N, C-alpha and C. Protein backbone atom coordinates (compact mmCIF):
# COMPACT_ATOMS: atom_id res chain seq x y z
N UNK A 1 0.84 -1.19 0.00
CA UNK A 1 0.00 0.00 0.00
C UNK A 1 0.88 1.24 0.00
N UNK A 2 0.45 2.23 -0.71
CA UNK A 2 1.18 3.48 -0.76
C UNK A 2 1.15 4.15 0.60
N UNK A 3 2.23 4.89 0.90
CA UNK A 3 2.29 5.62 2.16
C UNK A 3 2.06 7.10 1.89
N UNK A 4 1.90 7.83 2.95
CA UNK A 4 1.61 9.27 2.84
C UNK A 4 2.72 10.01 2.08
N UNK A 5 3.93 9.47 2.07
CA UNK A 5 5.03 10.13 1.38
C UNK A 5 5.09 9.79 -0.11
N UNK A 6 4.23 8.90 -0.57
CA UNK A 6 4.28 8.52 -1.98
C UNK A 6 3.60 9.59 -2.83
N UNK A 7 4.01 9.71 -4.08
CA UNK A 7 3.41 10.71 -4.97
C UNK A 7 1.90 10.54 -5.13
N UNK A 8 1.41 9.31 -5.00
CA UNK A 8 -0.02 9.06 -5.15
C UNK A 8 -0.86 9.79 -4.10
N UNK A 9 -0.28 10.04 -2.95
CA UNK A 9 -1.01 10.75 -1.90
C UNK A 9 -1.06 12.26 -2.16
N UNK A 10 -0.20 12.75 -3.03
CA UNK A 10 -0.14 14.18 -3.32
C UNK A 10 -0.95 14.59 -4.54
N UNK A 11 -1.21 13.63 -5.40
CA UNK A 11 -1.89 13.94 -6.66
C UNK A 11 -2.77 12.75 -7.04
N UNK A 12 -4.04 12.86 -6.68
CA UNK A 12 -4.99 11.80 -7.01
C UNK A 12 -6.38 12.42 -7.14
N UNK A 13 -7.28 11.74 -7.82
CA UNK A 13 -8.62 12.31 -8.04
C UNK A 13 -9.37 12.66 -6.76
N UNK A 14 -9.24 11.85 -5.72
CA UNK A 14 -9.94 12.16 -4.47
C UNK A 14 -9.48 13.49 -3.90
N UNK A 15 -8.16 13.66 -3.79
CA UNK A 15 -7.61 14.89 -3.22
C UNK A 15 -7.88 16.08 -4.14
N UNK A 16 -7.57 15.93 -5.41
CA UNK A 16 -7.73 17.04 -6.34
C UNK A 16 -9.19 17.50 -6.43
N UNK A 17 -10.11 16.55 -6.44
CA UNK A 17 -11.53 16.91 -6.49
C UNK A 17 -11.99 17.61 -5.23
N UNK A 18 -11.53 17.11 -4.08
CA UNK A 18 -11.91 17.71 -2.80
C UNK A 18 -11.37 19.14 -2.71
N UNK A 19 -10.10 19.33 -3.06
CA UNK A 19 -9.51 20.68 -3.01
C UNK A 19 -10.24 21.64 -3.94
N UNK A 20 -10.54 21.18 -5.15
CA UNK A 20 -11.24 22.04 -6.12
C UNK A 20 -12.63 22.41 -5.60
N UNK A 21 -13.32 21.47 -5.02
CA UNK A 21 -14.67 21.75 -4.50
C UNK A 21 -14.63 22.78 -3.38
N UNK A 22 -13.62 22.70 -2.51
CA UNK A 22 -13.53 23.65 -1.39
C UNK A 22 -13.15 25.04 -1.89
N UNK A 23 -12.20 25.09 -2.83
CA UNK A 23 -11.81 26.40 -3.40
C UNK A 23 -13.02 27.07 -4.05
N UNK A 24 -13.82 26.29 -4.74
CA UNK A 24 -15.00 26.83 -5.42
C UNK A 24 -16.06 27.28 -4.42
N UNK A 25 -16.21 26.54 -3.32
CA UNK A 25 -17.23 26.87 -2.33
C UNK A 25 -16.80 27.99 -1.38
N UNK A 26 -15.50 28.26 -1.31
CA UNK A 26 -15.00 29.22 -0.33
C UNK A 26 -15.60 30.62 -0.45
N UNK A 27 -15.71 31.24 -1.63
CA UNK A 27 -16.25 32.60 -1.67
C UNK A 27 -17.64 32.72 -1.05
N UNK A 28 -18.53 31.77 -1.33
CA UNK A 28 -19.87 31.81 -0.73
C UNK A 28 -19.79 31.58 0.77
N UNK A 29 -18.93 30.66 1.19
CA UNK A 29 -18.74 30.37 2.62
C UNK A 29 -18.26 31.64 3.32
N UNK A 30 -17.29 32.34 2.72
CA UNK A 30 -16.74 33.54 3.33
C UNK A 30 -17.78 34.64 3.45
N UNK A 31 -18.63 34.78 2.43
CA UNK A 31 -19.70 35.78 2.51
C UNK A 31 -20.66 35.44 3.64
N UNK A 32 -21.03 34.17 3.75
CA UNK A 32 -21.94 33.74 4.82
C UNK A 32 -21.30 33.92 6.19
N UNK A 33 -20.00 33.63 6.29
CA UNK A 33 -19.31 33.74 7.57
C UNK A 33 -19.08 35.19 7.97
N UNK A 34 -19.02 36.07 6.98
CA UNK A 34 -18.80 37.48 7.27
C UNK A 34 -17.34 37.79 7.55
N UNK A 35 -17.00 39.02 7.41
CA UNK A 35 -15.64 39.45 7.69
C UNK A 35 -14.67 39.10 6.59
N UNK A 36 -13.41 39.35 6.87
CA UNK A 36 -12.35 39.11 5.90
C UNK A 36 -11.60 37.83 6.27
N UNK A 37 -11.37 37.00 5.29
CA UNK A 37 -10.65 35.73 5.49
C UNK A 37 -9.39 35.78 4.65
N UNK A 38 -8.25 36.02 5.31
CA UNK A 38 -6.99 36.27 4.60
C UNK A 38 -5.99 35.11 4.70
N UNK A 39 -6.36 34.01 5.28
CA UNK A 39 -5.51 32.82 5.40
C UNK A 39 -4.30 33.06 6.29
N UNK A 40 -4.38 34.02 7.16
CA UNK A 40 -3.29 34.29 8.10
C UNK A 40 -3.46 33.39 9.33
N UNK A 41 -2.36 33.09 10.03
CA UNK A 41 -2.49 32.33 11.27
C UNK A 41 -3.47 32.98 12.26
N UNK A 42 -3.47 34.31 12.34
CA UNK A 42 -4.38 35.00 13.26
C UNK A 42 -5.85 34.76 12.93
N UNK A 43 -6.14 34.49 11.66
CA UNK A 43 -7.54 34.29 11.27
C UNK A 43 -8.12 32.99 11.83
N UNK A 44 -7.26 32.09 12.31
CA UNK A 44 -7.78 30.86 12.92
C UNK A 44 -8.56 31.15 14.20
N UNK A 45 -8.22 32.25 14.88
CA UNK A 45 -8.99 32.63 16.07
C UNK A 45 -10.43 32.98 15.68
N UNK A 46 -10.60 33.69 14.58
CA UNK A 46 -11.95 34.02 14.09
C UNK A 46 -12.70 32.77 13.68
N UNK A 47 -11.99 31.86 13.01
CA UNK A 47 -12.62 30.61 12.59
C UNK A 47 -13.04 29.79 13.81
N UNK A 48 -12.20 29.74 14.81
CA UNK A 48 -12.55 29.03 16.03
C UNK A 48 -13.82 29.62 16.66
N UNK A 49 -13.89 30.93 16.76
CA UNK A 49 -15.08 31.57 17.33
C UNK A 49 -16.32 31.26 16.49
N UNK A 50 -16.16 31.23 15.20
CA UNK A 50 -17.27 30.91 14.30
C UNK A 50 -17.77 29.48 14.53
N UNK A 51 -16.85 28.54 14.62
CA UNK A 51 -17.22 27.14 14.83
C UNK A 51 -17.85 26.96 16.20
N UNK A 52 -17.23 27.55 17.23
CA UNK A 52 -17.79 27.42 18.59
C UNK A 52 -19.18 28.08 18.69
N UNK A 53 -19.38 29.14 17.93
CA UNK A 53 -20.68 29.79 17.94
C UNK A 53 -21.75 29.01 17.20
N UNK A 54 -21.34 28.18 16.30
CA UNK A 54 -22.29 27.41 15.48
C UNK A 54 -22.68 26.08 16.12
N UNK A 55 -21.76 25.51 16.90
CA UNK A 55 -22.00 24.20 17.52
C UNK A 55 -21.80 24.30 19.02
N UNK A 56 -22.56 23.52 19.75
CA UNK A 56 -22.49 23.58 21.19
C UNK A 56 -21.76 22.43 21.85
N UNK A 57 -21.43 21.41 21.05
CA UNK A 57 -20.80 20.24 21.65
C UNK A 57 -19.98 19.48 20.61
N UNK A 58 -19.18 18.57 21.12
CA UNK A 58 -18.41 17.68 20.26
C UNK A 58 -19.35 16.89 19.35
N UNK A 59 -20.42 16.38 19.91
CA UNK A 59 -21.36 15.56 19.14
C UNK A 59 -21.98 16.34 17.99
N UNK A 60 -22.36 17.58 18.24
CA UNK A 60 -22.94 18.41 17.17
C UNK A 60 -21.91 18.68 16.08
N UNK A 61 -20.70 19.05 16.48
CA UNK A 61 -19.66 19.35 15.49
C UNK A 61 -19.29 18.09 14.72
N UNK A 62 -19.19 16.96 15.40
CA UNK A 62 -18.84 15.71 14.74
C UNK A 62 -19.93 15.30 13.75
N UNK A 63 -21.17 15.45 14.13
CA UNK A 63 -22.28 15.09 13.24
C UNK A 63 -22.27 15.97 11.98
N UNK A 64 -21.78 17.19 12.10
CA UNK A 64 -21.76 18.12 10.97
C UNK A 64 -20.43 18.11 10.22
N UNK A 65 -19.49 17.27 10.62
CA UNK A 65 -18.14 17.34 10.06
C UNK A 65 -18.07 17.11 8.56
N UNK A 66 -19.07 16.48 7.97
CA UNK A 66 -19.09 16.29 6.53
C UNK A 66 -19.93 17.32 5.79
N UNK A 67 -20.56 18.23 6.53
CA UNK A 67 -21.39 19.26 5.91
C UNK A 67 -20.53 20.31 5.22
N UNK A 68 -21.15 21.06 4.33
CA UNK A 68 -20.43 22.06 3.54
C UNK A 68 -19.71 23.08 4.43
N UNK A 69 -20.36 23.57 5.47
CA UNK A 69 -19.74 24.57 6.33
C UNK A 69 -18.44 24.04 6.94
N UNK A 70 -18.50 22.85 7.53
CA UNK A 70 -17.32 22.29 8.20
C UNK A 70 -16.26 21.83 7.21
N UNK A 71 -16.68 21.38 6.06
CA UNK A 71 -15.70 20.94 5.06
C UNK A 71 -14.87 22.11 4.56
N UNK A 72 -15.53 23.22 4.27
CA UNK A 72 -14.79 24.41 3.83
C UNK A 72 -13.95 24.95 5.00
N UNK A 73 -14.48 24.91 6.20
CA UNK A 73 -13.71 25.36 7.37
C UNK A 73 -12.45 24.50 7.53
N UNK A 74 -12.57 23.19 7.34
CA UNK A 74 -11.40 22.31 7.42
C UNK A 74 -10.39 22.66 6.34
N UNK A 75 -10.87 22.90 5.14
CA UNK A 75 -9.98 23.30 4.05
C UNK A 75 -9.25 24.59 4.43
N UNK A 76 -9.97 25.54 5.03
CA UNK A 76 -9.37 26.81 5.42
C UNK A 76 -8.24 26.58 6.43
N UNK A 77 -8.48 25.72 7.43
CA UNK A 77 -7.44 25.42 8.43
C UNK A 77 -6.20 24.88 7.72
N UNK A 78 -6.40 23.96 6.79
CA UNK A 78 -5.27 23.42 6.05
C UNK A 78 -4.58 24.44 5.18
N UNK A 79 -5.36 25.28 4.53
CA UNK A 79 -4.77 26.30 3.65
C UNK A 79 -3.94 27.31 4.43
N UNK A 80 -4.32 27.61 5.65
CA UNK A 80 -3.49 28.49 6.47
C UNK A 80 -2.12 27.86 6.65
N UNK A 81 -2.08 26.57 6.90
CA UNK A 81 -0.80 25.87 7.07
C UNK A 81 -0.01 25.81 5.76
N UNK A 82 -0.71 25.60 4.66
CA UNK A 82 -0.06 25.54 3.35
C UNK A 82 0.56 26.90 3.01
N UNK A 83 -0.21 27.95 3.18
CA UNK A 83 0.24 29.28 2.77
C UNK A 83 1.26 29.90 3.73
N UNK A 84 1.12 29.63 5.01
CA UNK A 84 2.01 30.26 5.99
C UNK A 84 3.27 29.44 6.28
N UNK A 85 3.21 28.11 6.10
CA UNK A 85 4.34 27.28 6.52
C UNK A 85 4.86 26.34 5.44
N UNK A 86 4.30 26.40 4.24
CA UNK A 86 4.77 25.54 3.17
C UNK A 86 4.31 24.10 3.26
N UNK A 87 3.27 23.87 4.04
CA UNK A 87 2.73 22.51 4.16
C UNK A 87 2.09 22.11 2.82
N UNK A 88 1.81 20.84 2.69
CA UNK A 88 1.18 20.30 1.48
C UNK A 88 0.00 19.42 1.86
N UNK A 89 -0.96 19.36 0.97
CA UNK A 89 -2.12 18.49 1.18
C UNK A 89 -1.77 17.07 0.77
N UNK A 90 -2.31 16.10 1.51
CA UNK A 90 -2.14 14.68 1.21
C UNK A 90 -3.49 14.00 1.43
N UNK A 91 -3.73 12.96 0.66
CA UNK A 91 -4.95 12.18 0.84
C UNK A 91 -4.73 10.80 0.23
N UNK A 92 -5.19 9.78 0.92
CA UNK A 92 -5.08 8.42 0.39
C UNK A 92 -5.84 8.34 -0.93
N UNK A 93 -5.21 7.78 -1.96
CA UNK A 93 -5.90 7.67 -3.25
C UNK A 93 -7.15 6.81 -3.16
N UNK A 94 -7.10 5.82 -2.28
CA UNK A 94 -8.24 4.93 -2.03
C UNK A 94 -8.39 4.84 -0.52
N UNK A 95 -9.58 5.09 0.02
CA UNK A 95 -9.73 5.02 1.48
C UNK A 95 -9.43 3.61 1.99
N UNK A 96 -8.73 3.55 3.09
CA UNK A 96 -8.39 2.26 3.69
C UNK A 96 -9.53 1.71 4.51
N UNK A 97 -9.41 0.46 4.90
CA UNK A 97 -10.45 -0.16 5.73
C UNK A 97 -10.33 0.28 7.19
N UNK A 98 -11.37 0.07 7.93
CA UNK A 98 -11.32 0.33 9.36
C UNK A 98 -11.84 1.69 9.76
N UNK A 99 -12.20 1.79 11.01
CA UNK A 99 -12.79 3.01 11.55
C UNK A 99 -11.82 4.19 11.52
N UNK A 100 -10.55 3.93 11.74
CA UNK A 100 -9.58 5.01 11.83
C UNK A 100 -8.76 5.18 10.54
N UNK A 101 -9.27 4.67 9.45
CA UNK A 101 -8.59 4.83 8.17
C UNK A 101 -8.54 6.32 7.83
N UNK A 102 -7.46 6.72 7.25
CA UNK A 102 -7.32 8.13 6.88
C UNK A 102 -8.07 8.38 5.58
N UNK A 103 -9.29 8.81 5.73
CA UNK A 103 -10.14 9.02 4.56
C UNK A 103 -10.25 10.48 4.18
N UNK A 104 -9.89 11.37 5.09
CA UNK A 104 -9.98 12.81 4.82
C UNK A 104 -8.61 13.37 4.50
N UNK A 105 -8.58 14.45 3.76
CA UNK A 105 -7.29 15.08 3.45
C UNK A 105 -6.55 15.54 4.70
N UNK A 106 -5.24 15.42 4.64
CA UNK A 106 -4.34 15.80 5.71
C UNK A 106 -3.39 16.88 5.21
N UNK A 107 -2.73 17.54 6.15
CA UNK A 107 -1.72 18.54 5.80
C UNK A 107 -0.43 18.15 6.51
N UNK A 108 0.67 18.22 5.79
CA UNK A 108 1.98 17.91 6.36
C UNK A 108 3.05 18.69 5.62
N UNK A 109 4.25 18.64 6.13
CA UNK A 109 5.37 19.28 5.43
C UNK A 109 5.94 18.28 4.42
N UNK A 110 6.42 18.77 3.29
CA UNK A 110 6.98 17.86 2.29
C UNK A 110 8.35 17.34 2.73
N UNK A 111 8.47 16.04 2.83
CA UNK A 111 9.75 15.44 3.25
C UNK A 111 10.78 15.47 2.14
N UNK A 112 10.35 15.60 0.91
CA UNK A 112 11.31 15.57 -0.20
C UNK A 112 12.21 16.80 -0.23
N UNK A 113 11.94 17.79 0.61
CA UNK A 113 12.79 18.98 0.65
C UNK A 113 13.83 18.91 1.78
N UNK A 114 13.87 17.80 2.50
CA UNK A 114 14.84 17.65 3.57
C UNK A 114 16.22 17.31 3.02
N UNK A 115 17.25 17.69 3.76
CA UNK A 115 18.59 17.24 3.41
C UNK A 115 18.72 15.79 3.82
N UNK A 116 19.74 15.12 3.35
CA UNK A 116 19.94 13.71 3.72
C UNK A 116 20.14 13.57 5.23
N UNK A 117 20.85 14.50 5.83
CA UNK A 117 21.06 14.45 7.28
C UNK A 117 19.73 14.59 8.02
N UNK A 118 18.88 15.50 7.56
CA UNK A 118 17.57 15.67 8.19
C UNK A 118 16.71 14.42 8.01
N UNK A 119 16.79 13.81 6.84
CA UNK A 119 16.02 12.57 6.60
C UNK A 119 16.48 11.45 7.52
N UNK A 120 17.78 11.36 7.73
CA UNK A 120 18.31 10.31 8.61
C UNK A 120 17.83 10.53 10.05
N UNK A 121 17.88 11.78 10.52
CA UNK A 121 17.39 12.07 11.88
C UNK A 121 15.90 11.72 12.00
N UNK A 122 15.13 12.04 10.98
CA UNK A 122 13.71 11.73 10.99
C UNK A 122 13.48 10.22 10.99
N UNK A 123 14.23 9.47 10.17
CA UNK A 123 14.11 8.01 10.15
C UNK A 123 14.40 7.43 11.53
N UNK A 124 15.45 7.92 12.17
CA UNK A 124 15.81 7.43 13.50
C UNK A 124 14.70 7.72 14.51
N UNK A 125 14.14 8.91 14.45
CA UNK A 125 13.04 9.27 15.36
C UNK A 125 11.82 8.40 15.10
N UNK A 126 11.50 8.16 13.84
CA UNK A 126 10.33 7.35 13.50
C UNK A 126 10.51 5.91 13.96
N UNK A 127 11.74 5.39 13.91
CA UNK A 127 12.00 4.04 14.40
C UNK A 127 11.72 3.93 15.89
N UNK A 128 11.92 5.02 16.60
CA UNK A 128 11.66 5.06 18.04
C UNK A 128 10.25 5.55 18.37
N UNK A 129 9.43 5.72 17.34
CA UNK A 129 8.07 6.25 17.51
C UNK A 129 8.06 7.62 18.17
N UNK A 130 9.05 8.42 17.85
CA UNK A 130 9.16 9.75 18.44
C UNK A 130 9.06 10.86 17.41
N UNK A 131 8.58 10.54 16.25
CA UNK A 131 8.53 11.56 15.21
C UNK A 131 7.56 12.67 15.60
N UNK A 132 8.03 13.89 15.47
CA UNK A 132 7.14 15.03 15.70
C UNK A 132 6.93 15.76 14.38
N UNK A 133 7.02 15.01 13.28
CA UNK A 133 6.82 15.60 11.96
C UNK A 133 5.41 16.16 11.88
N UNK A 134 5.27 17.39 11.45
CA UNK A 134 3.93 17.99 11.39
C UNK A 134 2.96 17.19 10.54
N UNK A 135 1.82 16.91 11.11
CA UNK A 135 0.74 16.21 10.42
C UNK A 135 -0.56 16.68 11.05
N UNK A 136 -1.48 17.10 10.22
CA UNK A 136 -2.73 17.66 10.73
C UNK A 136 -3.91 17.18 9.90
N UNK A 137 -4.93 16.70 10.57
CA UNK A 137 -6.20 16.41 9.93
C UNK A 137 -7.11 17.59 10.31
N UNK A 138 -7.27 18.56 9.41
CA UNK A 138 -8.02 19.76 9.76
C UNK A 138 -9.45 19.51 10.21
N UNK A 139 -10.12 18.54 9.61
CA UNK A 139 -11.50 18.24 10.01
C UNK A 139 -11.54 17.77 11.46
N UNK A 140 -10.60 16.92 11.84
CA UNK A 140 -10.55 16.44 13.22
C UNK A 140 -10.22 17.56 14.19
N UNK A 141 -9.36 18.48 13.77
CA UNK A 141 -8.99 19.60 14.65
C UNK A 141 -10.19 20.48 14.97
N UNK A 142 -11.06 20.68 14.01
CA UNK A 142 -12.25 21.50 14.26
C UNK A 142 -13.18 20.83 15.26
N UNK A 143 -13.40 19.56 15.11
CA UNK A 143 -14.28 18.83 16.03
C UNK A 143 -13.64 18.73 17.41
N UNK A 144 -12.31 18.58 17.44
CA UNK A 144 -11.60 18.43 18.71
C UNK A 144 -11.66 19.69 19.57
N UNK A 145 -12.04 20.81 18.99
CA UNK A 145 -12.20 22.03 19.79
C UNK A 145 -13.12 21.79 20.98
N UNK A 146 -14.06 20.88 20.80
CA UNK A 146 -15.06 20.63 21.84
C UNK A 146 -14.65 19.51 22.78
N UNK A 147 -13.55 18.85 22.49
CA UNK A 147 -13.11 17.73 23.32
C UNK A 147 -11.89 18.09 24.18
N UNK A 148 -11.19 19.11 23.81
CA UNK A 148 -9.98 19.49 24.54
C UNK A 148 -10.32 20.45 25.67
N UNK A 149 -9.36 20.69 26.51
CA UNK A 149 -9.57 21.56 27.66
C UNK A 149 -9.85 22.99 27.26
N UNK A 150 -10.28 23.80 28.21
CA UNK A 150 -10.67 25.18 27.92
C UNK A 150 -9.54 26.05 27.40
N UNK A 151 -8.30 25.69 27.66
CA UNK A 151 -7.17 26.48 27.18
C UNK A 151 -6.73 26.15 25.77
N UNK A 152 -7.27 25.09 25.20
CA UNK A 152 -6.88 24.68 23.85
C UNK A 152 -7.50 25.60 22.81
N UNK A 153 -6.74 25.90 21.79
CA UNK A 153 -7.18 26.79 20.72
C UNK A 153 -6.89 26.14 19.36
N UNK A 154 -7.65 26.53 18.38
CA UNK A 154 -7.44 26.01 17.03
C UNK A 154 -6.05 26.37 16.52
N UNK A 155 -5.57 27.55 16.85
CA UNK A 155 -4.25 27.98 16.39
C UNK A 155 -3.12 27.12 16.96
N UNK A 156 -3.43 26.29 17.97
CA UNK A 156 -2.41 25.40 18.53
C UNK A 156 -1.85 24.44 17.48
N UNK A 157 -2.61 24.18 16.41
CA UNK A 157 -2.11 23.27 15.37
C UNK A 157 -0.87 23.86 14.69
N UNK A 158 -0.67 25.15 14.80
CA UNK A 158 0.47 25.79 14.15
C UNK A 158 1.76 25.63 14.95
N UNK A 159 1.66 25.29 16.22
CA UNK A 159 2.84 25.14 17.06
C UNK A 159 3.79 24.06 16.55
N UNK A 160 3.24 23.06 15.86
CA UNK A 160 4.08 21.99 15.37
C UNK A 160 5.09 22.47 14.32
N UNK A 161 4.85 23.61 13.71
CA UNK A 161 5.77 24.14 12.71
C UNK A 161 6.92 24.91 13.34
N UNK A 162 6.84 25.16 14.62
CA UNK A 162 7.88 25.90 15.31
C UNK A 162 9.05 25.00 15.70
N UNK A 163 8.84 23.68 15.64
CA UNK A 163 9.91 22.75 16.00
C UNK A 163 10.88 22.58 14.86
């Protein structure tokens, strides 16, 4: 099976179609949401307030996670990472089996831009299950707003790029 680092995860009909649909839906979403959406890290605070104002619980947000509002919001979270930190979108070309299969698009940093020394350090860390390589499922992050403690914020997903 292909892994997240394979080219198939970066360019496939599932990912390309999903990204195109969100880009197309974004202008109407932004008008409905109000205000200016500039894809800056600071704008995640506004998005968090919007999501928290729309849903009252984890269950409500989770039930709506496939709806147009949440799907575009998830795309926005990912696009902030892409535009501000050079992250890239990834998605399994074919959804895997099981409840926890990665069926939704993810955002991560491209490993192909690492030096050989950096790749070796990453391989060693991954062998020890200590990899802190940035990886984000934006849809899950939005729903998790309701499951984490009161001090947790949506913008916390950006902290992984500081390492």
